Amino acid sequence: MTREMLYDAITGVRDELIVEAIEIKPAKSKVRWLKFGSVAAAAALVVGLGAGVFSGKLPIGGRSGGGGGHNEGSTFMSYAGPVFPLTTVEGGDGLTAERTITYDFGGWMAGDFNRLYYGLPVTDSYTLANPTGEDKTVTLLYPFAESLYDRRYLPTLTADGAELQTTLLTGQYSQLAVGRSGGLPSLNSPDSWEEYRKLLSDGRYQAGALEDWPDLSGVPVTVYEITNAWVEPGVENKVSGNYNPNIHAEMELDYSKTTVLSYGFNSGKYDRDSGQMRQGFDAPQPPAEGSSRDPAIYERDRAERHYLLVIGDPLDSFRLVGVSTGGPDSTDYLEWGVDIGAGLRQYETDLDSALRTVAERRYGATDWNHYGSMADDPDFELYFGMMKDCLLDTGILLDDPEARYDFTSLEDLYPHVIQRVFYLEAEVTIPAGGSVTVEAQMLKEASFDHACTGSKNMGIYGYDLVTKLGTNLDIAAQTAKAVNTDGVEIVRQNFGFDWENGVDTVTLDPAVEHYYLEVRRIKAK
C-alpha cells in the first residue's frame, strides 16, 4: 500500500459502518462465547503529576569553562539525554529570565530502589520577569527526555511554590530516527546530545507536539477477531510432547494491494511470491491432572483475543486450522471443533477504531508500575496517539517497510518504551513589573556504560545540560550548583566545579551550548 493510497483512504468519507459477524462454533457445548464490546470515545490529553521538591541555598562563586576531561564528554552506551531549558508557546514576548540548576547528590547511589539507574534529584529554576506595564499570561513548555514507560522520572512544575496543572505532550516519532537508519525510521532512541540538537533545532518537533494525533477513521478495515480458543485435554504436540498445539490463520492475498496488521500472534509465514500468509498462536489448554500449572494462567489465556486487521483489497481466502505442531509450515492438522477450536468474528470498521480496540487491550496488559514506580498510569489517549504515529512513521502501511517490520505485527511497535522528548505544558500569569519563579523538579536519569562490558567508563555516570536548545526565552544568566557532594568525585566535566576547594556554584557561559558532568562514587579506603 503506497502513502498516496493510504492518504486517499483517510480523506474518504464513509456514511456508515457495516458490521457482519461470522462464527465458527466448536461441537463442545462447554465452550463459552463472548460478545464484542464497543469502543469508548476519545478523551483529552491531560496527565496529573505528583509533586516532589528539592531545594537549597548556596552562595554564588566560580565560573564555568574549566574542569578537565573530554571537550564534548563521553559517549555512553546508555544515553539519558540532557536537561533542556524552559520555553514558551505564546505570551513570552518581552520576558526576561534567569536560570539556576541544582544537582543534589544527597543519597546518590545509596541503593534507593526509586532511583534506579541513579536518578539524581535536579531542580531547574527560572525567574521570569515581566518588565511591561501589563500582566502577561504565558503558555510554558518544559521539555525532558524520557519514555512513557519510565514515568517515575516525570518532572513536576511549580510557580512560586504552587504546583501547576500540566498537560503531557510529545512530538512525532519519525524525528527520532535522526538519519541513523539510512532509510525509513527504526526504533532508535537518540544516543547523543547532538542527535537531540538535530531533533529540536528547527522547531518542527515542538510544533508537531502541539498538533493533534493522526486521524485514521477514514481508512476502511476488515477485522478478523479470534476469541475463546481451546484445546481438548490430552491433545499433545507430537514433536516435543509439550501441551502447546497451535491455531493458525491461513489466508491468500496480493501483498501489493493488501496489508494485514496482526495482534496476539507469535508465529508466522509470509510468502509474497505465492500470495500466502499464515499466522499462529499457542492454543490454551487446561492443566493436566496433577499438573503444577496455575489454572488462573489458563483462564487468562482463554480470555485473550487475537486480531487481524486487513487494509486494502479483501483477502482471497481465509480459514482457521488447528495443528499439533507449532511450526508455520505444519500440516499435522487437528480436527476442528473436536480437538481444537475458537470463535471467529469478521466485521467492517475503520482503522482508527480497530487500532483503538487493540491499543486498549495492550494498554491494559502493560505493567505500568514496573520497578515499583508509584506514578499514575499514563493517559490512554497519549499512548494511543503515539501508537498510531509510530505505525505510520515506521512504514508498515507503505511499500517495502524495513525488514523488522515486514511481518506487520503490532506487538513489534514499542512507542511507549522509546526515549523521546516530552513536554509539560502549563500556564502562568506574570504581573506587570513583577516576576514568577518557575521550577521543574525531577529525578534525572544518568548516562552510563553497561556492566560486564569491560568499558573504562563502568562506574561513571553522566549528566548533561543544554543552555539554549529549543528555547525562545531571553535567558540573561544561567547558574549551576551542586549540593551534598561528599563521597562523590568528578571524573570529567566542563562546568568548572571544584568541590574539593569549595567551588560548588558556577556561572554558565551562554556561548557554551552543551555542558556535561561525569561523576562516580569515591571508594571507601
Protein backbone atom coordinates (compact mmCIF):
# COMPACT_ATOMS: atom_id res chain seq x y z
CA MET A 1 0.00 0.00 0.00
CA THR A 2 1.51 3.34 -1.01
CA ARG A 3 1.36 6.51 1.07
CA GLU A 4 -0.89 8.02 -1.61
CA MET A 5 -3.33 5.09 -1.31
CA LEU A 6 -3.39 5.44 2.45
CA TYR A 7 -3.97 9.20 2.36
CA ASP A 8 -6.73 8.77 -0.23
CA ALA A 9 -8.43 6.38 2.16
CA ILE A 10 -8.01 8.73 5.11
CA THR A 11 -9.67 11.59 3.28
CA GLY A 12 -12.62 9.47 2.14
CA VAL A 13 -15.99 9.95 3.85
CA ARG A 14 -17.99 6.88 4.93
CA ASP A 15 -21.65 7.34 5.84
CA GLU A 16 -21.94 4.22 7.98
CA LEU A 17 -20.07 1.19 9.19
CA ILE A 18 -21.28 -2.24 8.15
CA VAL A 19 -20.89 -4.95 10.80
CA GLU A 20 -21.12 -8.57 9.84
CA ALA A 21 -20.50 -11.46 12.26
CA ILE A 22 -19.33 -14.92 11.27
CA GLU A 23 -18.82 -17.52 13.99
CA ILE A 24 -17.19 -20.93 13.75
CA LYS A 25 -18.59 -22.93 16.67
CA PRO A 26 -16.90 -26.00 18.09
CA ALA A 27 -19.02 -29.04 18.81
CA LYS A 28 -18.28 -28.84 22.53
CA SER A 29 -21.12 -27.13 24.39
CA LYS A 30 -18.78 -26.19 27.24
CA VAL A 31 -17.11 -23.52 25.10
CA ARG A 32 -18.32 -20.09 26.22
CA TRP A 33 -18.90 -17.21 23.76
CA LEU A 34 -18.20 -13.55 24.50
CA LYS A 35 -19.87 -10.54 22.97
CA PHE A 36 -17.87 -7.92 21.14
CA GLY A 37 -17.68 -4.63 23.05
CA SER A 38 -17.97 -1.14 21.66
CA VAL A 39 -15.11 1.37 21.73
CA ALA A 40 -15.17 4.40 24.01
CA ALA A 41 -14.80 7.92 22.62
CA ALA A 42 -11.52 9.87 22.80
CA ALA A 43 -10.50 11.82 25.92
CA ALA A 44 -8.32 14.90 26.42
CA LEU A 45 -4.52 14.72 26.66
CA VAL A 46 -4.20 15.55 30.33
CA VAL A 47 -1.91 13.83 32.83
CA GLY A 48 -1.84 14.65 36.54
CA LEU A 49 1.64 14.76 38.02
CA GLY A 50 2.77 14.22 41.57
CA ALA A 51 4.87 16.71 43.48
CA GLY A 52 8.40 16.49 44.85
CA VAL A 53 10.54 19.42 45.95
CA PHE A 54 14.31 19.55 46.10
CA SER A 55 15.76 22.88 47.14
CA GLY A 56 18.75 24.56 48.75
CA LYS A 57 20.55 27.92 49.01
CA LEU A 58 24.23 28.45 48.22
CA PRO A 59 26.46 31.49 47.74
CA ILE A 60 27.45 32.32 44.17
CA GLY A 61 31.06 31.69 43.19
CA GLY A 62 33.30 30.42 40.37
CA ARG A 63 32.78 30.37 36.62
CA SER A 64 32.36 27.57 34.11
CA GLY A 65 34.71 26.61 31.35
CA GLY A 66 37.44 24.63 33.11
CA GLY A 67 37.27 21.24 34.67
CA GLY A 68 39.36 18.85 32.66
CA GLY A 69 38.24 15.87 30.58
CA HIS A 70 36.96 15.46 27.05
CA ASN A 71 35.90 18.50 25.10
CA GLU A 72 32.46 17.01 24.43
CA GLY A 73 32.14 14.45 27.22
CA SER A 74 32.00 10.66 26.97
CA THR A 75 29.92 8.62 24.57
CA PHE A 76 27.95 6.32 26.87
CA MET A 77 26.30 3.04 25.89
CA SER A 78 23.04 4.17 27.51
CA TYR A 79 22.38 7.87 26.94
CA ALA A 80 19.77 9.54 29.15
CA GLY A 81 19.58 12.86 27.32
CA PRO A 82 20.30 16.35 28.66
CA VAL A 83 18.32 18.72 30.84
CA PHE A 84 16.66 21.14 28.42
CA PRO A 85 15.76 24.80 29.00
CA LEU A 86 12.22 26.05 29.53
CA THR A 87 10.49 27.66 26.55
CA THR A 88 7.18 29.38 25.75
CA VAL A 89 4.46 28.82 23.16
CA GLU A 90 2.78 32.21 23.43
CA GLY A 91 2.82 35.28 25.67
CA GLY A 92 6.57 35.15 26.22
CA ASP A 93 7.49 38.25 24.21
CA GLY A 94 9.30 40.81 26.33
CA LEU A 95 10.01 38.46 29.24
CA THR A 96 13.48 38.08 30.68
CA ALA A 97 14.70 35.01 32.55
CA GLU A 98 17.43 33.88 34.89
CA ARG A 99 18.10 30.16 35.30
CA THR A 100 19.59 28.18 38.19
CA ILE A 101 20.03 24.42 38.00
CA THR A 102 20.83 22.47 41.18
CA TYR A 103 22.21 18.92 41.35
CA ASP A 104 21.56 17.27 44.72
CA PHE A 105 23.83 14.28 45.40
CA GLY A 106 22.34 13.57 48.82
CA GLY A 107 21.69 9.82 48.95
CA TRP A 108 23.02 9.31 45.42
CA MET A 109 23.83 5.63 44.74
CA ALA A 110 22.65 4.71 48.23
CA GLY A 111 20.59 1.77 46.99
CA ASP A 112 17.29 3.64 46.88
CA PHE A 113 15.01 1.45 44.72
CA ASN A 114 13.14 4.51 43.46
CA ARG A 115 16.36 5.91 41.97
CA LEU A 116 17.05 3.10 39.54
CA TYR A 117 19.82 3.99 37.07
CA TYR A 118 20.98 6.51 39.68
CA GLY A 119 18.30 9.12 39.22
CA LEU A 120 19.72 12.37 40.58
CA PRO A 121 17.40 14.99 42.13
CA VAL A 122 17.61 18.09 39.93
CA THR A 123 15.87 21.44 40.31
CA ASP A 124 15.78 23.57 37.17
CA SER A 125 14.62 27.03 38.31
CA TYR A 126 13.68 30.12 36.28
CA THR A 127 12.91 33.62 37.46
CA LEU A 128 10.64 35.04 34.77
CA ALA A 129 10.40 38.83 34.89
CA ASN A 130 7.75 40.94 33.19
CA PRO A 131 9.10 44.48 32.67
CA THR A 132 5.98 45.61 30.80
CA GLY A 133 3.08 47.57 32.22
CA GLU A 134 0.52 44.77 31.69
CA ASP A 135 0.03 41.33 33.23
CA LYS A 136 1.18 38.53 30.94
CA THR A 137 -0.41 35.07 30.77
CA VAL A 138 2.23 32.78 29.34
CA THR A 139 1.96 29.23 27.98
CA LEU A 140 5.08 27.36 29.02
CA LEU A 141 6.62 24.19 27.65
CA TYR A 142 9.14 22.27 29.72
CA PRO A 143 10.94 19.64 27.61
CA PHE A 144 12.53 16.49 29.02
CA ALA A 145 13.95 13.24 27.62
CA GLU A 146 12.12 10.15 28.79
CA SER A 147 9.98 7.21 27.73
CA LEU A 148 6.30 6.90 28.57
CA TYR A 149 7.14 3.65 30.35
CA ASP A 150 9.51 5.29 32.84
CA ARG A 151 7.12 7.79 34.36
CA ARG A 152 8.91 7.82 37.70
CA TYR A 153 11.18 10.44 36.13
CA LEU A 154 8.40 12.85 35.14
CA PRO A 155 9.23 16.39 36.26
CA THR A 156 6.88 18.44 38.44
CA LEU A 157 6.33 22.10 37.56
CA THR A 158 5.66 24.76 40.22
CA ALA A 159 5.18 28.53 40.11
CA ASP A 160 6.21 30.37 43.27
CA GLY A 161 5.94 27.04 45.08
CA ALA A 162 2.43 26.11 43.89
CA GLU A 163 2.13 23.07 41.65
CA LEU A 164 0.99 23.88 38.12
CA GLN A 165 -1.67 21.99 36.21
CA THR A 166 0.11 20.44 33.25
CA THR A 167 -0.61 18.60 30.01
CA LEU A 168 1.84 16.00 28.75
CA LEU A 169 2.74 16.29 25.04
CA THR A 170 5.23 14.69 22.69
CA GLY A 171 6.27 15.10 19.07
CA GLN A 172 6.22 12.79 16.07
CA TYR A 173 8.14 9.55 16.33
CA SER A 174 9.74 9.80 12.89
CA GLN A 175 12.00 12.61 14.01
CA LEU A 176 13.73 10.26 16.45
CA ALA A 177 15.48 8.37 13.65
CA VAL A 178 17.66 11.50 13.03
CA GLY A 179 19.11 9.89 9.93
CA ARG A 180 20.83 6.92 11.57
CA SER A 181 18.76 4.20 9.88
CA GLY A 182 19.59 5.46 6.39
CA GLY A 183 16.07 4.86 5.14
CA LEU A 184 12.74 4.51 6.87
CA PRO A 185 12.93 5.06 10.61
CA SER A 186 13.75 2.26 13.02
CA LEU A 187 13.08 2.07 16.73
CA ASN A 188 16.10 4.04 17.90
CA SER A 189 16.41 6.41 20.80
CA PRO A 190 18.75 9.39 20.37
CA ASP A 191 22.17 8.36 21.66
CA SER A 192 23.92 11.73 21.96
CA TRP A 193 23.12 15.34 22.69
CA GLU A 194 23.94 16.14 19.06
CA GLU A 195 21.04 13.95 17.95
CA TYR A 196 18.74 15.87 20.26
CA ARG A 197 20.09 19.04 18.65
CA LYS A 198 19.08 17.68 15.23
CA LEU A 199 15.70 16.78 16.64
CA LEU A 200 14.85 20.15 18.18
CA SER A 201 16.87 22.83 16.41
CA ASP A 202 14.45 23.67 13.56
CA GLY A 203 11.31 23.78 15.74
CA ARG A 204 9.34 21.17 13.79
CA TYR A 205 9.34 18.59 16.57
CA GLN A 206 7.90 21.06 19.08
CA ALA A 207 5.31 22.25 16.56
CA GLY A 208 4.26 18.64 15.99
CA ALA A 209 3.81 18.11 19.72
CA LEU A 210 1.16 20.85 19.74
CA GLU A 211 -0.82 19.28 16.90
CA ASP A 212 -3.47 16.53 17.01
CA TRP A 213 -2.54 12.90 16.51
CA PRO A 214 -3.23 11.30 13.11
CA ASP A 215 -6.90 10.52 12.45
CA LEU A 216 -7.24 7.18 10.65
CA SER A 217 -11.03 6.97 10.81
CA GLY A 218 -11.30 7.35 7.02
CA VAL A 219 -9.39 4.12 6.33
CA PRO A 220 -11.76 1.12 5.92
CA VAL A 221 -10.66 -2.11 7.59
CA THR A 222 -11.90 -5.67 7.76
CA VAL A 223 -11.26 -7.17 11.20
CA TYR A 224 -10.92 -10.87 11.95
CA GLU A 225 -11.30 -11.29 15.70
CA ILE A 226 -10.47 -14.72 17.16
CA THR A 227 -11.80 -15.45 20.65
CA ASN A 228 -12.23 -18.33 23.11
CA ALA A 229 -9.51 -20.57 21.70
CA TRP A 230 -9.48 -24.04 23.26
CA VAL A 231 -7.84 -27.45 23.03
CA GLU A 232 -9.16 -30.69 24.38
CA PRO A 233 -7.18 -32.16 27.32
CA GLY A 234 -4.67 -34.74 26.18
CA VAL A 235 -4.09 -33.32 22.69
CA GLU A 236 -0.31 -33.04 22.59
CA ASN A 237 2.32 -31.50 20.40
CA LYS A 238 3.54 -34.57 18.53
CA VAL A 239 7.04 -33.18 18.06
CA SER A 240 8.01 -32.04 21.54
CA GLY A 241 5.31 -33.61 23.68
CA ASN A 242 4.52 -30.25 25.21
CA TYR A 243 0.96 -29.06 25.63
CA ASN A 244 1.09 -26.31 23.03
CA PRO A 245 -0.94 -27.10 19.93
CA ASN A 246 -1.44 -24.05 17.73
CA ILE A 247 -4.28 -22.30 15.94
CA HIS A 248 -3.26 -20.88 12.58
CA ALA A 249 -5.00 -18.32 10.40
CA GLU A 250 -4.33 -19.23 6.77
CA MET A 251 -5.03 -16.65 4.08
CA GLU A 252 -4.29 -15.75 0.48
CA LEU A 253 -3.77 -12.16 -0.66
CA ASP A 254 -1.99 -9.83 -3.04
CA TYR A 255 0.74 -8.31 -0.85
CA SER A 256 0.99 -5.27 -3.12
CA LYS A 257 -2.67 -4.40 -2.61
CA THR A 258 -3.42 -5.70 0.89
CA THR A 259 -1.78 -5.07 4.25
CA VAL A 260 -2.52 -7.30 7.24
CA LEU A 261 -1.77 -5.98 10.72
CA SER A 262 -1.78 -8.59 13.47
CA TYR A 263 -2.06 -8.66 17.23
CA GLY A 264 -1.85 -11.68 19.53
CA PHE A 265 0.11 -14.00 17.21
CA ASN A 266 3.57 -15.43 17.92
CA SER A 267 4.45 -17.24 14.67
CA GLY A 268 4.03 -16.59 11.02
CA LYS A 269 4.88 -17.44 7.43
CA TYR A 270 4.88 -14.75 4.74
CA ASP A 271 5.28 -15.73 1.09
CA ARG A 272 4.86 -12.75 -1.22
CA ASP A 273 5.53 -14.73 -4.38
CA SER A 274 2.73 -17.23 -3.82
CA GLY A 275 0.45 -14.74 -2.08
CA GLN A 276 0.14 -16.90 1.03
CA MET A 277 0.27 -15.91 4.68
CA ARG A 278 -0.09 -17.95 7.86
CA GLN A 279 -0.11 -16.56 11.37
CA GLY A 280 -0.44 -18.66 14.51
CA PHE A 281 -0.63 -18.65 18.29
CA ASP A 282 -0.44 -21.22 21.07
CA ALA A 283 -3.90 -22.50 21.91
CA PRO A 284 -4.62 -22.51 25.66
CA GLN A 285 -5.08 -25.93 27.19
CA PRO A 286 -6.34 -26.79 30.68
CA PRO A 287 -3.70 -28.15 33.07
CA ALA A 288 -3.41 -31.92 33.06
CA GLU A 289 -4.45 -33.78 36.15
CA GLY A 290 -1.73 -33.48 38.78
CA SER A 291 -0.01 -30.63 36.87
CA SER A 292 1.59 -27.76 38.81
CA ARG A 293 0.39 -25.21 36.24
CA ASP A 294 -1.68 -22.40 37.67
CA PRO A 295 -5.30 -22.69 36.43
CA ALA A 296 -5.54 -18.89 36.52
CA ILE A 297 -3.00 -18.70 33.71
CA TYR A 298 -5.19 -20.94 31.58
CA GLU A 299 -8.23 -18.75 32.24
CA ARG A 300 -6.21 -15.65 31.37
CA ASP A 301 -5.07 -17.22 28.10
CA ARG A 302 -8.65 -18.25 27.28
CA ALA A 303 -9.72 -14.62 27.61
CA GLU A 304 -7.13 -13.43 25.08
CA ARG A 305 -8.33 -12.06 21.76
CA HIS A 306 -6.35 -12.16 18.55
CA TYR A 307 -6.82 -9.65 15.75
CA LEU A 308 -6.05 -9.44 12.06
CA LEU A 309 -6.70 -6.02 10.50
CA VAL A 310 -7.00 -6.18 6.72
CA ILE A 311 -6.42 -2.91 4.85
CA GLY A 312 -6.82 -2.50 1.10
CA ASP A 313 -8.20 -5.25 -1.14
CA PRO A 314 -10.10 -8.10 0.58
CA LEU A 315 -8.39 -11.41 1.27
CA ASP A 316 -8.75 -14.03 -1.47
CA SER A 317 -9.36 -16.71 1.16
CA PHE A 318 -9.31 -17.15 4.95
CA ARG A 319 -9.67 -20.09 7.31
CA LEU A 320 -8.71 -21.17 10.82
CA VAL A 321 -6.99 -24.52 11.37
CA GLY A 322 -5.61 -26.37 14.36
CA VAL A 323 -2.20 -28.03 14.22
CA SER A 324 -0.46 -30.21 16.78
CA THR A 325 2.95 -28.77 15.94
CA GLY A 326 3.50 -25.04 16.11
CA GLY A 327 5.74 -24.58 13.08
CA PRO A 328 4.44 -22.22 10.39
CA ASP A 329 4.64 -25.00 7.76
CA SER A 330 2.84 -27.59 9.87
CA THR A 331 0.30 -29.83 8.09
CA ASP A 332 -0.33 -32.06 11.10
CA TYR A 333 -3.89 -30.84 11.40
CA LEU A 334 -6.19 -31.46 14.33
CA GLU A 335 -9.92 -31.98 13.90
CA TRP A 336 -11.51 -28.52 14.10
CA GLY A 337 -14.38 -28.34 16.53
CA VAL A 338 -13.44 -31.64 18.15
CA ASP A 339 -9.77 -31.47 19.18
CA ILE A 340 -9.34 -27.73 18.93
CA GLY A 341 -11.39 -24.65 18.11
CA ALA A 342 -12.09 -20.94 18.54
CA GLY A 343 -14.68 -18.30 17.77
CA LEU A 344 -14.22 -16.05 14.76
CA ARG A 345 -15.92 -12.75 14.15
CA GLN A 346 -15.46 -10.80 10.93
CA TYR A 347 -16.65 -7.22 10.69
CA GLU A 348 -16.09 -3.96 8.86
CA THR A 349 -14.92 -0.82 10.66
CA ASP A 350 -12.30 1.91 10.27
CA LEU A 351 -8.59 1.76 11.07
CA ASP A 352 -8.79 4.21 13.96
CA SER A 353 -11.47 2.17 15.73
CA ALA A 354 -9.74 -1.13 15.07
CA LEU A 355 -6.41 0.14 16.38
CA ARG A 356 -8.14 1.57 19.44
CA THR A 357 -9.53 -1.87 20.26
CA VAL A 358 -6.05 -3.37 20.08
CA ALA A 359 -4.47 -0.48 21.97
CA GLU A 360 -6.97 -0.79 24.82
CA ARG A 361 -6.07 -4.45 25.31
CA ARG A 362 -2.34 -3.84 25.12
CA TYR A 363 -2.56 -0.82 27.41
CA GLY A 364 -4.49 -2.87 29.96
CA ALA A 365 -1.95 -5.69 29.82
CA THR A 366 1.07 -3.43 30.33
CA ASP A 367 2.72 -3.33 33.76
CA TRP A 368 2.85 0.43 34.08
CA ASN A 369 4.13 0.20 37.68
CA HIS A 370 7.27 -1.76 36.86
CA TYR A 371 10.25 -1.33 39.17
CA GLY A 372 7.87 -0.33 41.94
CA SER A 373 7.03 3.02 40.36
CA MET A 374 4.21 4.82 42.18
CA ALA A 375 3.38 7.07 39.23
CA ASP A 376 -0.16 7.08 37.86
CA ASP A 377 -0.82 5.10 34.70
CA PRO A 378 -0.27 7.33 31.65
CA ASP A 379 -3.15 8.85 29.76
CA PHE A 380 -4.53 6.29 27.31
CA GLU A 381 -5.11 8.85 24.55
CA LEU A 382 -1.45 9.82 24.64
CA TYR A 383 -0.41 6.17 24.42
CA PHE A 384 -2.88 5.54 21.58
CA GLY A 385 -1.72 8.59 19.65
CA MET A 386 1.92 7.51 19.96
CA MET A 387 0.98 4.06 18.71
CA LYS A 388 -0.74 5.43 15.58
CA ASP A 389 2.11 7.84 14.92
CA CYS A 390 4.69 5.06 15.24
CA LEU A 391 2.66 2.79 12.97
CA LEU A 392 2.63 5.39 10.21
CA ASP A 393 6.21 6.52 10.56
CA THR A 394 7.83 3.08 10.67
CA GLY A 395 6.50 2.41 7.20
CA ILE A 396 4.28 -0.60 8.00
CA LEU A 397 1.46 0.81 5.86
CA LEU A 398 3.78 1.71 2.99
CA ASP A 399 5.58 -0.29 0.29
CA ASP A 400 8.85 -2.01 1.25
CA PRO A 401 8.93 -1.45 5.01
CA GLU A 402 12.20 -2.21 6.77
CA ALA A 403 12.79 -5.90 7.39
CA ARG A 404 11.99 -5.92 11.08
CA TYR A 405 8.52 -4.58 10.33
CA ASP A 406 7.76 -6.73 7.31
CA PHE A 407 5.63 -9.06 9.45
CA THR A 408 3.36 -6.15 10.41
CA SER A 409 2.94 -7.33 13.98
CA LEU A 410 1.53 -4.60 16.22
CA GLU A 411 3.48 -6.14 19.11
CA ASP A 412 6.66 -5.06 17.32
CA LEU A 413 5.72 -1.42 17.96
CA TYR A 414 7.10 -0.13 21.25
CA PRO A 415 6.44 3.62 21.13
CA HIS A 416 5.98 3.73 24.92
CA VAL A 417 9.45 2.36 25.73
CA ILE A 418 11.47 4.51 23.30
CA GLN A 419 13.13 7.55 24.82
CA ARG A 420 11.94 10.75 23.20
CA VAL A 421 11.32 14.39 24.07
CA PHE A 422 8.14 15.08 26.04
CA TYR A 423 6.79 18.46 27.07
CA LEU A 424 4.88 19.60 30.11
CA GLU A 425 2.54 22.39 29.01
CA ALA A 426 1.32 24.86 31.64
CA GLU A 427 0.09 28.45 32.00
CA VAL A 428 1.35 31.11 34.39
CA THR A 429 0.43 34.78 34.79
CA ILE A 430 3.27 37.19 35.48
CA PRO A 431 2.14 40.53 36.95
CA ALA A 432 3.12 43.82 35.35
CA GLY A 433 6.54 44.83 36.56
CA GLY A 434 6.81 41.64 38.63
CA SER A 435 8.28 38.15 38.40
CA VAL A 436 7.39 34.50 38.97
CA THR A 437 9.76 31.66 39.84
CA VAL A 438 9.00 28.54 37.81
CA GLU A 439 10.75 25.36 38.91
CA ALA A 440 10.98 21.89 37.38
CA GLN A 441 11.87 19.21 39.93
CA MET A 442 12.83 15.77 38.70
CA LEU A 443 14.95 12.70 39.16
CA LYS A 444 17.37 12.92 36.23
CA GLU A 445 18.45 9.55 34.92
CA ALA A 446 22.18 9.06 34.33
CA SER A 447 24.01 8.07 31.18
CA PHE A 448 26.21 5.03 31.79
CA ASP A 449 28.03 2.03 30.32
CA HIS A 450 26.65 -1.43 30.94
CA ALA A 451 28.23 -3.77 33.45
CA CYS A 452 30.44 -6.69 32.33
CA THR A 453 31.43 -4.88 29.12
CA GLY A 454 34.97 -4.05 30.18
CA SER A 455 34.35 -0.39 29.47
CA LYS A 456 36.64 2.14 31.13
CA ASN A 457 33.51 4.14 31.93
CA MET A 458 31.97 1.46 34.13
CA GLY A 459 31.00 3.05 37.42
CA ILE A 460 30.96 6.55 35.87
CA TYR A 461 27.62 8.33 35.43
CA GLY A 462 26.97 11.32 33.19
CA TYR A 463 24.54 14.22 33.47
CA ASP A 464 24.19 16.61 30.54
CA LEU A 465 22.75 20.10 30.26
CA VAL A 466 21.99 22.30 27.25
CA THR A 467 21.72 26.05 27.63
CA LYS A 468 19.67 27.26 24.66
CA LEU A 469 18.50 24.31 22.56
CA GLY A 470 14.81 24.68 21.69
CA THR A 471 14.11 27.75 23.83
CA ASN A 472 12.84 31.16 22.77
CA LEU A 473 13.36 32.72 26.20
CA ASP A 474 15.83 35.53 26.69
CA ILE A 475 17.85 33.87 29.47
CA ALA A 476 20.09 36.62 30.79
CA ALA A 477 22.07 34.47 33.23
CA GLN A 478 22.47 30.75 33.98
CA THR A 479 23.96 29.30 37.13
CA ALA A 480 24.72 25.69 38.11
CA LYS A 481 25.00 24.40 41.70
CA ALA A 482 25.96 21.07 43.24
CA VAL A 483 24.98 20.19 46.83
CA ASN A 484 25.66 17.25 49.15
CA THR A 485 28.70 16.18 47.15
CA ASP A 486 30.55 14.34 49.93
CA GLY A 487 31.61 10.92 48.68
CA VAL A 488 31.29 11.90 45.01
CA GLU A 489 34.18 12.79 42.72
CA ILE A 490 34.23 14.44 39.31
CA VAL A 491 35.83 12.38 36.55
CA ARG A 492 35.17 14.71 33.61
CA GLN A 493 33.28 17.98 33.22
CA ASN A 494 33.20 21.36 31.55
CA PHE A 495 31.13 23.14 34.24
CA GLY A 496 34.12 24.37 36.24
CA PHE A 497 33.18 22.80 39.59
CA ASP A 498 36.00 22.26 42.09
CA TRP A 499 34.30 20.65 45.07
CA GLU A 500 37.49 19.99 47.00
CA ASN A 501 38.23 23.70 47.04
CA GLY A 502 34.68 24.81 47.75
CA VAL A 503 33.66 25.76 44.21
CA ASP A 504 30.19 24.22 44.03
CA THR A 505 28.43 27.08 42.25
CA VAL A 506 29.40 28.30 38.76
CA THR A 507 28.12 30.79 36.20
CA LEU A 508 27.48 29.17 32.84
CA ASP A 509 28.71 30.74 29.63
CA PRO A 510 25.73 31.29 27.27
CA ALA A 511 28.07 30.70 24.32
CA VAL A 512 28.63 27.11 25.50
CA GLU A 513 25.66 25.12 24.20
CA HIS A 514 26.38 21.82 25.96
CA TYR A 515 27.62 21.10 29.49
CA TYR A 516 28.49 17.66 30.86
CA LEU A 517 29.23 16.34 34.33
CA GLU A 518 30.61 12.81 34.76
CA VAL A 519 30.95 11.53 38.31
CA ARG A 520 31.49 8.41 40.38
CA ARG A 521 31.28 7.42 43.98
CA ILE A 522 34.51 7.64 45.95
CA LYS A 523 35.51 4.18 47.14
CA ALA A 524 35.97 3.86 50.88
CA LYS A 525 39.61 3.39 51.85
